[in-house]
Amino acid sequence: MASGGGDHGGFYAGVPVFDGFDRIMDPAVYAPLPDDWVLGLTDVVRSTAAIGAGRYRAVNTAGAAAIAAVSNALGDLAFPFAFGGDGASFAVPPDKEDVVRRALAATVAWVRDELDLELRAAVVPVAAARAAGFDVRVGRFAASPNVTYAMFSGGGLAWAERQLKEGRFRVEPGASGD
């Protein structure tokens, strides 16, 4: 298991970048997230029905809003994230957990109030995923010289998403107008 150590902000920036798509399944290109980090996750409830009703843009906006809110709240801190169309996943150091919780609570409220959709959110400790038998590892894939994407492996993110959908580790919505 990895330890958080001291330089939380530099962890993700220090994960080596790989550029060969053929290496995407190579475990050597993934680094274990520090044990004390947390995963943030969001998911639009009943997104398939909303998309079927022609609300594809609203669902995508709700899914991406958490990444924008967290990114704005963290400033220049590099952190791994993935967008899934109707939700997002990301990882941050423990000293940013409170900031992330506030950003997610406000995003859940904004999606409810402005988009008339339900966005569930959770903050899950990496240590909880590992205690459940799953790892959380991250890699940085360079799609081009100026663009990298976070890639997660180990099954921990999928486990955390199941926890989110079951209501565990829930972030409560903020007040209207947050």
N, C-alpha and C. Protein backbone atom coordinates (compact mmCIF):
# COMPACT_ATOMS: atom_id res chain seq x y z
N MET A 1 0.84 -1.18 0.00
CA MET A 1 0.00 0.00 0.00
C MET A 1 0.89 1.25 0.00
N ALA A 2 0.43 2.24 -0.68
CA ALA A 2 1.18 3.48 -0.73
C ALA A 2 0.86 4.32 0.49
N SER A 3 1.78 5.12 0.86
CA SER A 3 1.56 6.05 1.97
C SER A 3 1.43 7.44 1.39
N GLY A 4 0.68 8.26 2.07
CA GLY A 4 0.46 9.62 1.60
C GLY A 4 1.72 10.45 1.58
N GLY A 5 2.57 10.28 2.58
CA GLY A 5 3.78 11.07 2.61
C GLY A 5 3.49 12.53 2.75
N GLY A 6 4.36 13.37 2.23
CA GLY A 6 4.21 14.80 2.42
C GLY A 6 3.72 15.57 1.23
N ASP A 7 4.26 15.32 0.06
CA ASP A 7 3.98 16.16 -1.10
C ASP A 7 2.75 15.70 -1.86
N HIS A 8 1.58 15.94 -1.27
CA HIS A 8 0.34 15.48 -1.91
C HIS A 8 0.10 16.14 -3.25
N GLY A 9 0.34 17.43 -3.32
CA GLY A 9 0.05 18.15 -4.56
C GLY A 9 0.91 17.69 -5.71
N GLY A 10 2.10 17.20 -5.43
CA GLY A 10 3.01 16.79 -6.49
C GLY A 10 2.84 15.35 -6.92
N PHE A 11 2.04 14.56 -6.20
CA PHE A 11 1.93 13.14 -6.53
C PHE A 11 1.48 12.92 -7.97
N TYR A 12 0.33 13.46 -8.34
CA TYR A 12 -0.19 13.19 -9.67
C TYR A 12 0.71 13.78 -10.75
N ALA A 13 1.22 14.97 -10.52
CA ALA A 13 2.13 15.58 -11.49
C ALA A 13 3.37 14.72 -11.69
N GLY A 14 3.73 13.94 -10.67
CA GLY A 14 4.91 13.10 -10.75
C GLY A 14 4.67 11.72 -11.33
N VAL A 15 3.42 11.37 -11.61
CA VAL A 15 3.13 10.07 -12.22
C VAL A 15 3.66 10.12 -13.66
N PRO A 16 4.52 9.17 -14.03
CA PRO A 16 5.09 9.21 -15.38
C PRO A 16 4.01 9.13 -16.47
N VAL A 17 4.25 9.83 -17.55
CA VAL A 17 3.33 9.86 -18.69
C VAL A 17 3.75 8.77 -19.68
N PHE A 18 2.77 8.03 -20.22
CA PHE A 18 3.07 7.07 -21.28
C PHE A 18 2.27 7.47 -22.51
N ASP A 19 2.82 7.19 -23.69
CA ASP A 19 2.14 7.64 -24.90
C ASP A 19 1.79 6.52 -25.87
N GLY A 20 2.13 5.31 -25.57
CA GLY A 20 1.77 4.20 -26.44
C GLY A 20 0.46 3.58 -26.00
N PHE A 21 -0.56 3.70 -26.82
CA PHE A 21 -1.87 3.17 -26.45
C PHE A 21 -1.79 1.67 -26.15
N ASP A 22 -0.83 0.99 -26.76
CA ASP A 22 -0.66 -0.44 -26.52
C ASP A 22 -0.24 -0.73 -25.07
N ARG A 23 0.17 0.30 -24.32
CA ARG A 23 0.59 0.11 -22.93
C ARG A 23 -0.54 0.36 -21.94
N ILE A 24 -1.72 0.65 -22.42
CA ILE A 24 -2.83 1.02 -21.54
C ILE A 24 -3.18 -0.10 -20.55
N MET A 25 -2.92 -1.34 -20.90
CA MET A 25 -3.20 -2.47 -20.01
C MET A 25 -1.95 -2.92 -19.23
N ASP A 26 -0.85 -2.21 -19.39
CA ASP A 26 0.40 -2.56 -18.72
C ASP A 26 0.38 -2.04 -17.29
N PRO A 27 0.38 -2.91 -16.28
CA PRO A 27 0.32 -2.45 -14.89
C PRO A 27 1.51 -1.57 -14.50
N ALA A 28 2.60 -1.66 -15.23
CA ALA A 28 3.79 -0.88 -14.89
C ALA A 28 3.60 0.62 -15.10
N VAL A 29 2.60 1.03 -15.88
CA VAL A 29 2.41 2.46 -16.13
C VAL A 29 1.46 3.11 -15.12
N TYR A 30 0.99 2.33 -14.15
CA TYR A 30 0.06 2.84 -13.14
C TYR A 30 0.75 2.90 -11.78
N ALA A 31 0.50 3.98 -11.06
CA ALA A 31 1.04 4.16 -9.71
C ALA A 31 -0.09 4.07 -8.70
N PRO A 32 0.13 3.42 -7.56
CA PRO A 32 -0.93 3.37 -6.55
C PRO A 32 -1.18 4.75 -5.95
N LEU A 33 -2.45 5.11 -5.85
CA LEU A 33 -2.79 6.36 -5.16
C LEU A 33 -2.40 6.21 -3.69
N PRO A 34 -1.98 7.30 -3.06
CA PRO A 34 -1.69 7.23 -1.63
C PRO A 34 -2.92 6.79 -0.84
N ASP A 35 -2.70 5.99 0.20
CA ASP A 35 -3.79 5.46 1.03
C ASP A 35 -4.70 6.53 1.60
N ASP A 36 -4.14 7.70 1.91
CA ASP A 36 -4.94 8.72 2.57
C ASP A 36 -5.67 9.64 1.60
N TRP A 37 -5.56 9.40 0.31
CA TRP A 37 -6.31 10.18 -0.67
C TRP A 37 -7.77 9.77 -0.65
N VAL A 38 -8.62 10.60 -1.27
CA VAL A 38 -10.04 10.30 -1.39
C VAL A 38 -10.45 10.34 -2.85
N LEU A 39 -11.47 9.55 -3.14
CA LEU A 39 -12.07 9.53 -4.47
C LEU A 39 -13.36 10.33 -4.41
N GLY A 40 -13.59 11.16 -5.39
CA GLY A 40 -14.86 11.85 -5.55
C GLY A 40 -15.58 11.26 -6.74
N LEU A 41 -16.87 11.05 -6.60
CA LEU A 41 -17.65 10.46 -7.68
C LEU A 41 -19.01 11.14 -7.78
N THR A 42 -19.51 11.25 -8.99
CA THR A 42 -20.87 11.73 -9.21
C THR A 42 -21.55 10.85 -10.25
N ASP A 43 -22.87 10.88 -10.22
CA ASP A 43 -23.67 10.10 -11.16
C ASP A 43 -25.05 10.74 -11.26
N VAL A 44 -25.51 10.95 -12.48
CA VAL A 44 -26.85 11.46 -12.69
C VAL A 44 -27.84 10.30 -12.53
N VAL A 45 -28.78 10.46 -11.61
CA VAL A 45 -29.79 9.44 -11.36
C VAL A 45 -30.77 9.42 -12.54
N ARG A 46 -31.11 8.24 -13.00
CA ARG A 46 -32.04 8.05 -14.13
C ARG A 46 -31.59 8.78 -15.39
N SER A 47 -30.29 8.74 -15.65
CA SER A 47 -29.75 9.44 -16.82
C SER A 47 -30.26 8.85 -18.13
N THR A 48 -30.44 7.54 -18.19
CA THR A 48 -30.93 6.91 -19.43
C THR A 48 -32.31 7.44 -19.79
N ALA A 49 -33.18 7.58 -18.80
CA ALA A 49 -34.53 8.11 -19.05
C ALA A 49 -34.45 9.57 -19.48
N ALA A 50 -33.58 10.34 -18.85
CA ALA A 50 -33.43 11.75 -19.21
C ALA A 50 -32.91 11.90 -20.64
N ILE A 51 -31.95 11.06 -21.01
CA ILE A 51 -31.43 11.09 -22.38
C ILE A 51 -32.53 10.70 -23.36
N GLY A 52 -33.30 9.68 -23.00
CA GLY A 52 -34.42 9.25 -23.83
C GLY A 52 -35.46 10.34 -24.02
N ALA A 53 -35.55 11.25 -23.05
CA ALA A 53 -36.50 12.37 -23.13
C ALA A 53 -35.89 13.58 -23.82
N GLY A 54 -34.71 13.39 -24.44
CA GLY A 54 -34.08 14.48 -25.18
C GLY A 54 -33.23 15.41 -24.33
N ARG A 55 -32.86 14.99 -23.13
CA ARG A 55 -32.10 15.87 -22.23
C ARG A 55 -30.61 15.51 -22.17
N TYR A 56 -30.09 15.04 -23.30
CA TYR A 56 -28.69 14.61 -23.38
C TYR A 56 -27.73 15.72 -22.93
N ARG A 57 -27.92 16.92 -23.41
CA ARG A 57 -27.03 18.03 -23.03
C ARG A 57 -27.08 18.32 -21.53
N ALA A 58 -28.26 18.29 -20.96
CA ALA A 58 -28.39 18.54 -19.52
C ALA A 58 -27.68 17.45 -18.73
N VAL A 59 -27.81 16.20 -19.16
CA VAL A 59 -27.13 15.10 -18.48
C VAL A 59 -25.62 15.27 -18.57
N ASN A 60 -25.11 15.58 -19.76
CA ASN A 60 -23.67 15.80 -19.94
C ASN A 60 -23.18 16.99 -19.12
N THR A 61 -23.96 18.06 -19.09
CA THR A 61 -23.58 19.23 -18.30
C THR A 61 -23.50 18.87 -16.82
N ALA A 62 -24.48 18.13 -16.34
CA ALA A 62 -24.47 17.71 -14.93
C ALA A 62 -23.27 16.82 -14.65
N GLY A 63 -22.96 15.92 -15.57
CA GLY A 63 -21.82 15.03 -15.39
C GLY A 63 -20.50 15.75 -15.35
N ALA A 64 -20.35 16.77 -16.18
CA ALA A 64 -19.10 17.52 -16.25
C ALA A 64 -19.00 18.61 -15.18
N ALA A 65 -20.12 19.03 -14.64
CA ALA A 65 -20.12 20.15 -13.69
C ALA A 65 -19.25 19.89 -12.46
N ALA A 66 -19.23 18.66 -11.99
CA ALA A 66 -18.43 18.35 -10.79
C ALA A 66 -16.94 18.55 -11.07
N ILE A 67 -16.48 18.14 -12.25
CA ILE A 67 -15.08 18.34 -12.59
C ILE A 67 -14.75 19.82 -12.62
N ALA A 68 -15.62 20.61 -13.24
CA ALA A 68 -15.38 22.06 -13.31
C ALA A 68 -15.38 22.67 -11.91
N ALA A 69 -16.34 22.30 -11.08
CA ALA A 69 -16.44 22.86 -9.74
C ALA A 69 -15.22 22.51 -8.89
N VAL A 70 -14.82 21.24 -8.94
CA VAL A 70 -13.67 20.80 -8.16
C VAL A 70 -12.39 21.45 -8.69
N SER A 71 -12.26 21.51 -9.99
CA SER A 71 -11.08 22.14 -10.59
C SER A 71 -10.98 23.61 -10.17
N ASN A 72 -12.11 24.32 -10.22
CA ASN A 72 -12.12 25.72 -9.78
C ASN A 72 -11.76 25.83 -8.31
N ALA A 73 -12.28 24.93 -7.49
CA ALA A 73 -12.03 24.98 -6.04
C ALA A 73 -10.57 24.66 -5.70
N LEU A 74 -9.93 23.81 -6.51
CA LEU A 74 -8.55 23.41 -6.22
C LEU A 74 -7.50 24.31 -6.84
N GLY A 75 -7.93 25.21 -7.71
CA GLY A 75 -6.95 26.13 -8.33
C GLY A 75 -6.00 25.39 -9.25
N ASP A 76 -4.71 25.55 -9.01
CA ASP A 76 -3.69 25.00 -9.90
C ASP A 76 -3.27 23.57 -9.56
N LEU A 77 -3.89 22.94 -8.58
CA LEU A 77 -3.50 21.59 -8.19
C LEU A 77 -3.86 20.59 -9.29
N ALA A 78 -2.87 19.85 -9.77
CA ALA A 78 -3.13 18.79 -10.75
C ALA A 78 -3.74 17.60 -10.03
N PHE A 79 -4.85 17.09 -10.55
CA PHE A 79 -5.49 15.92 -9.95
C PHE A 79 -6.07 15.06 -11.06
N PRO A 80 -6.08 13.74 -10.87
CA PRO A 80 -6.62 12.87 -11.91
C PRO A 80 -8.15 12.86 -11.90
N PHE A 81 -8.75 12.91 -13.08
CA PHE A 81 -10.20 12.83 -13.18
C PHE A 81 -10.60 12.13 -14.47
N ALA A 82 -11.79 11.59 -14.47
CA ALA A 82 -12.36 10.94 -15.65
C ALA A 82 -13.82 11.37 -15.76
N PHE A 83 -14.25 11.66 -16.98
CA PHE A 83 -15.63 12.05 -17.27
C PHE A 83 -16.33 10.87 -17.91
N GLY A 84 -17.51 10.53 -17.40
CA GLY A 84 -18.22 9.37 -17.91
C GLY A 84 -19.54 9.68 -18.60
N GLY A 85 -19.77 10.91 -19.02
CA GLY A 85 -21.02 11.26 -19.70
C GLY A 85 -22.11 11.67 -18.74
N ASP A 86 -22.43 10.79 -17.79
CA ASP A 86 -23.46 11.12 -16.80
C ASP A 86 -22.86 11.18 -15.40
N GLY A 87 -21.57 11.35 -15.33
CA GLY A 87 -20.91 11.46 -14.03
C GLY A 87 -19.42 11.64 -14.20
N ALA A 88 -18.76 11.73 -13.07
CA ALA A 88 -17.32 11.95 -13.08
C ALA A 88 -16.70 11.21 -11.90
N SER A 89 -15.40 10.96 -12.03
CA SER A 89 -14.62 10.36 -10.96
C SER A 89 -13.29 11.10 -10.89
N PHE A 90 -12.77 11.26 -9.69
CA PHE A 90 -11.49 11.93 -9.53
C PHE A 90 -10.88 11.54 -8.19
N ALA A 91 -9.63 11.93 -8.01
CA ALA A 91 -8.93 11.64 -6.75
C ALA A 91 -8.18 12.89 -6.31
N VAL A 92 -8.19 13.13 -4.99
CA VAL A 92 -7.51 14.30 -4.43
C VAL A 92 -6.83 13.92 -3.11
N PRO A 93 -5.84 14.73 -2.73
CA PRO A 93 -5.18 14.48 -1.44
C PRO A 93 -6.11 14.80 -0.27
N PRO A 94 -5.82 14.23 0.90
CA PRO A 94 -6.73 14.37 2.04
C PRO A 94 -6.92 15.81 2.52
N ASP A 95 -5.93 16.66 2.34
CA ASP A 95 -6.08 18.03 2.80
C ASP A 95 -7.03 18.84 1.92
N LYS A 96 -7.50 18.26 0.83
CA LYS A 96 -8.47 18.92 -0.06
C LYS A 96 -9.87 18.34 0.07
N GLU A 97 -10.05 17.37 0.98
CA GLU A 97 -11.36 16.71 1.10
C GLU A 97 -12.48 17.68 1.44
N ASP A 98 -12.27 18.57 2.39
CA ASP A 98 -13.34 19.51 2.77
C ASP A 98 -13.71 20.43 1.61
N VAL A 99 -12.71 20.91 0.88
CA VAL A 99 -12.96 21.78 -0.28
C VAL A 99 -13.77 21.02 -1.33
N VAL A 100 -13.41 19.76 -1.54
CA VAL A 100 -14.11 18.93 -2.52
C VAL A 100 -15.55 18.67 -2.08
N ARG A 101 -15.75 18.38 -0.80
CA ARG A 101 -17.11 18.15 -0.30
C ARG A 101 -18.00 19.38 -0.54
N ARG A 102 -17.47 20.55 -0.26
CA ARG A 102 -18.25 21.78 -0.47
C ARG A 102 -18.56 21.99 -1.95
N ALA A 103 -17.56 21.75 -2.81
CA ALA A 103 -17.77 21.92 -4.25
C ALA A 103 -18.81 20.92 -4.76
N LEU A 104 -18.75 19.68 -4.29
CA LEU A 104 -19.72 18.68 -4.72
C LEU A 104 -21.12 19.00 -4.20
N ALA A 105 -21.22 19.42 -2.94
CA ALA A 105 -22.54 19.77 -2.38
C ALA A 105 -23.18 20.90 -3.18
N ALA A 106 -22.38 21.89 -3.54
CA ALA A 106 -22.90 23.01 -4.33
C ALA A 106 -23.29 22.55 -5.74
N THR A 107 -22.51 21.64 -6.31
CA THR A 107 -22.82 21.13 -7.65
C THR A 107 -24.11 20.32 -7.65
N VAL A 108 -24.30 19.48 -6.63
CA VAL A 108 -25.53 18.70 -6.52
C VAL A 108 -26.74 19.64 -6.43
N ALA A 109 -26.60 20.69 -5.64
CA ALA A 109 -27.70 21.66 -5.51
C ALA A 109 -27.94 22.39 -6.83
N TRP A 110 -26.88 22.80 -7.52
CA TRP A 110 -27.01 23.51 -8.80
C TRP A 110 -27.69 22.63 -9.84
N VAL A 111 -27.28 21.37 -9.92
CA VAL A 111 -27.89 20.45 -10.89
C VAL A 111 -29.37 20.27 -10.58
N ARG A 112 -29.70 20.15 -9.32
CA ARG A 112 -31.11 20.02 -8.90
C ARG A 112 -31.90 21.28 -9.28
N ASP A 113 -31.37 22.44 -8.95
CA ASP A 113 -32.09 23.70 -9.11
C ASP A 113 -32.12 24.20 -10.55
N GLU A 114 -31.03 24.06 -11.26
CA GLU A 114 -30.92 24.65 -12.60
C GLU A 114 -31.20 23.67 -13.73
N LEU A 115 -30.88 22.40 -13.53
CA LEU A 115 -31.05 21.42 -14.61
C LEU A 115 -32.21 20.47 -14.36
N ASP A 116 -32.80 20.55 -13.18
CA ASP A 116 -33.91 19.69 -12.81
C ASP A 116 -33.56 18.21 -12.97
N LEU A 117 -32.35 17.87 -12.51
CA LEU A 117 -31.87 16.50 -12.49
C LEU A 117 -31.36 16.18 -11.09
N GLU A 118 -31.28 14.91 -10.78
CA GLU A 118 -30.71 14.49 -9.49
C GLU A 118 -29.29 13.99 -9.73
N LEU A 119 -28.34 14.63 -9.09
CA LEU A 119 -26.94 14.22 -9.16
C LEU A 119 -26.55 13.69 -7.80
N ARG A 120 -26.15 12.44 -7.75
CA ARG A 120 -25.65 11.93 -6.47
C ARG A 120 -24.14 12.09 -6.47
N ALA A 121 -23.59 12.29 -5.28
CA ALA A 121 -22.15 12.49 -5.13
C ALA A 121 -21.67 11.76 -3.88
N ALA A 122 -20.42 11.34 -3.92
CA ALA A 122 -19.82 10.66 -2.78
C ALA A 122 -18.34 10.99 -2.72
N VAL A 123 -17.80 10.92 -1.52
CA VAL A 123 -16.36 11.03 -1.30
C VAL A 123 -15.96 9.75 -0.56
N VAL A 124 -15.12 8.95 -1.20
CA VAL A 124 -14.77 7.62 -0.71
C VAL A 124 -13.27 7.56 -0.44
N PRO A 125 -12.88 7.18 0.77
CA PRO A 125 -11.44 7.03 1.05
C PRO A 125 -10.82 5.91 0.22
N VAL A 126 -9.65 6.17 -0.34
CA VAL A 126 -8.91 5.13 -1.06
C VAL A 126 -8.69 3.94 -0.13
N ALA A 127 -8.41 4.22 1.13
CA ALA A 127 -8.18 3.14 2.11
C ALA A 127 -9.39 2.22 2.23
N ALA A 128 -10.60 2.75 2.07
CA ALA A 128 -11.81 1.92 2.14
C ALA A 128 -11.87 0.95 0.96
N ALA A 129 -11.49 1.43 -0.22
CA ALA A 129 -11.45 0.55 -1.39
C ALA A 129 -10.44 -0.57 -1.18
N ARG A 130 -9.29 -0.21 -0.65
CA ARG A 130 -8.26 -1.23 -0.40
C ARG A 130 -8.70 -2.20 0.68
N ALA A 131 -9.38 -1.71 1.71
CA ALA A 131 -9.86 -2.59 2.77
C ALA A 131 -10.90 -3.58 2.22
N ALA A 132 -11.60 -3.19 1.15
CA ALA A 132 -12.59 -4.06 0.52
C ALA A 132 -11.94 -5.00 -0.50
N GLY A 133 -10.62 -4.91 -0.65
CA GLY A 133 -9.90 -5.82 -1.53
C GLY A 133 -9.61 -5.29 -2.92
N PHE A 134 -9.76 -3.98 -3.13
CA PHE A 134 -9.53 -3.39 -4.44
C PHE A 134 -8.42 -2.36 -4.36
N ASP A 135 -7.66 -2.23 -5.42
CA ASP A 135 -6.63 -1.21 -5.47
C ASP A 135 -7.14 -0.03 -6.28
N VAL A 136 -6.48 1.09 -6.11
CA VAL A 136 -6.77 2.27 -6.92
C VAL A 136 -5.42 2.79 -7.41
N ARG A 137 -5.22 2.63 -8.71
CA ARG A 137 -3.96 3.04 -9.34
C ARG A 137 -4.29 4.03 -10.44
N VAL A 138 -3.34 4.89 -10.73
CA VAL A 138 -3.56 5.92 -11.74
C VAL A 138 -2.37 5.98 -12.70
N GLY A 139 -2.70 6.20 -13.96
CA GLY A 139 -1.69 6.40 -15.00
C GLY A 139 -2.03 7.67 -15.76
N ARG A 140 -1.06 8.15 -16.51
CA ARG A 140 -1.26 9.36 -17.32
C ARG A 140 -0.94 9.03 -18.77
N PHE A 141 -1.98 8.96 -19.59
CA PHE A 141 -1.83 8.65 -21.00
C PHE A 141 -1.77 9.93 -21.81
N ALA A 142 -0.71 10.08 -22.61
CA ALA A 142 -0.55 11.25 -23.47
C ALA A 142 -1.18 10.96 -24.82
N ALA A 143 -2.35 11.54 -25.04
CA ALA A 143 -3.03 11.37 -26.32
C ALA A 143 -2.34 12.19 -27.41
N SER A 144 -1.66 13.25 -27.00
CA SER A 144 -0.88 14.10 -27.90
C SER A 144 0.18 14.78 -27.03
N PRO A 145 1.10 15.52 -27.63
CA PRO A 145 2.16 16.15 -26.81
C PRO A 145 1.63 17.12 -25.74
N ASN A 146 0.44 17.68 -25.94
CA ASN A 146 -0.07 18.68 -25.00
C ASN A 146 -1.29 18.22 -24.20
N VAL A 147 -1.72 16.97 -24.37
CA VAL A 147 -2.93 16.50 -23.70
C VAL A 147 -2.67 15.15 -23.05
N THR A 148 -2.94 15.07 -21.73
CA THR A 148 -2.87 13.78 -21.04
C THR A 148 -4.21 13.49 -20.38
N TYR A 149 -4.51 12.21 -20.29
CA TYR A 149 -5.74 11.75 -19.66
C TYR A 149 -5.39 10.84 -18.50
N ALA A 150 -6.15 10.98 -17.41
CA ALA A 150 -5.98 10.07 -16.28
C ALA A 150 -6.62 8.74 -16.64
N MET A 151 -5.94 7.67 -16.28
CA MET A 151 -6.44 6.32 -16.47
C MET A 151 -6.38 5.65 -15.10
N PHE A 152 -7.46 5.01 -14.69
CA PHE A 152 -7.51 4.34 -13.39
C PHE A 152 -7.52 2.83 -13.60
N SER A 153 -6.91 2.11 -12.67
CA SER A 153 -6.94 0.65 -12.71
C SER A 153 -7.00 0.11 -11.28
N GLY A 154 -7.22 -1.19 -11.16
CA GLY A 154 -7.21 -1.84 -9.86
C GLY A 154 -8.57 -2.22 -9.33
N GLY A 155 -9.65 -1.76 -9.96
CA GLY A 155 -10.98 -2.11 -9.52
C GLY A 155 -11.56 -1.23 -8.42
N GLY A 156 -10.74 -0.42 -7.78
CA GLY A 156 -11.21 0.42 -6.68
C GLY A 156 -12.19 1.48 -7.10
N LEU A 157 -12.02 2.05 -8.27
CA LEU A 157 -12.94 3.08 -8.74
C LEU A 157 -14.31 2.47 -9.04
N ALA A 158 -14.34 1.29 -9.64
CA ALA A 158 -15.62 0.61 -9.91
C ALA A 158 -16.30 0.25 -8.59
N TRP A 159 -15.52 -0.19 -7.59
CA TRP A 159 -16.08 -0.49 -6.28
C TRP A 159 -16.69 0.78 -5.67
N ALA A 160 -15.95 1.89 -5.76
CA ALA A 160 -16.44 3.15 -5.20
C ALA A 160 -17.72 3.61 -5.90
N GLU A 161 -17.82 3.38 -7.20
CA GLU A 161 -19.04 3.75 -7.92
C GLU A 161 -20.24 2.93 -7.42
N ARG A 162 -20.00 1.67 -7.13
CA ARG A 162 -21.09 0.85 -6.58
C ARG A 162 -21.52 1.39 -5.21
N GLN A 163 -20.55 1.85 -4.41
CA GLN A 163 -20.87 2.42 -3.11
C GLN A 163 -21.71 3.69 -3.29
N LEU A 164 -21.34 4.52 -4.24
CA LEU A 164 -22.07 5.74 -4.56
C LEU A 164 -23.53 5.40 -4.88
N LYS A 165 -23.73 4.44 -5.75
CA LYS A 165 -25.08 4.09 -6.19
C LYS A 165 -25.90 3.44 -5.08
N GLU A 166 -25.22 2.88 -4.08
CA GLU A 166 -25.91 2.29 -2.93
C GLU A 166 -26.11 3.31 -1.80
N GLY A 167 -25.67 4.55 -2.03
CA GLY A 167 -25.89 5.62 -1.05
C GLY A 167 -24.84 5.73 0.04
N ARG A 168 -23.76 5.00 -0.08
CA ARG A 168 -22.70 5.08 0.93
C ARG A 168 -21.75 6.24 0.60
N PHE A 169 -21.16 6.81 1.63
CA PHE A 169 -20.19 7.90 1.50
C PHE A 169 -20.80 9.14 0.84
N ARG A 170 -22.09 9.29 0.95
CA ARG A 170 -22.86 10.34 0.27
C ARG A 170 -22.46 11.74 0.70
N VAL A 171 -22.44 12.63 -0.27
CA VAL A 171 -22.31 14.06 -0.02
C VAL A 171 -23.72 14.65 -0.14
N GLU A 172 -24.17 15.27 0.90
CA GLU A 172 -25.51 15.87 0.91
C GLU A 172 -25.53 17.12 0.05
N PRO A 173 -26.66 17.41 -0.59
CA PRO A 173 -26.77 18.61 -1.42
C PRO A 173 -26.61 19.89 -0.59
N GLY A 174 -26.05 20.89 -1.21
CA GLY A 174 -25.97 22.19 -0.58
C GLY A 174 -27.32 22.88 -0.65
N ALA A 175 -27.37 24.07 -0.10
CA ALA A 175 -28.59 24.87 -0.13
C ALA A 175 -28.81 25.45 -1.53
N SER A 176 -30.05 25.77 -1.84
CA SER A 176 -30.34 26.42 -3.11
C SER A 176 -29.52 27.70 -3.20
N GLY A 177 -28.96 27.91 -4.39
CA GLY A 177 -28.17 29.11 -4.61
C GLY A 177 -26.69 28.96 -4.29
N ASP A 178 -26.29 27.79 -3.78
CA ASP A 178 -24.86 27.57 -3.51
C ASP A 178 -24.08 27.63 -4.81
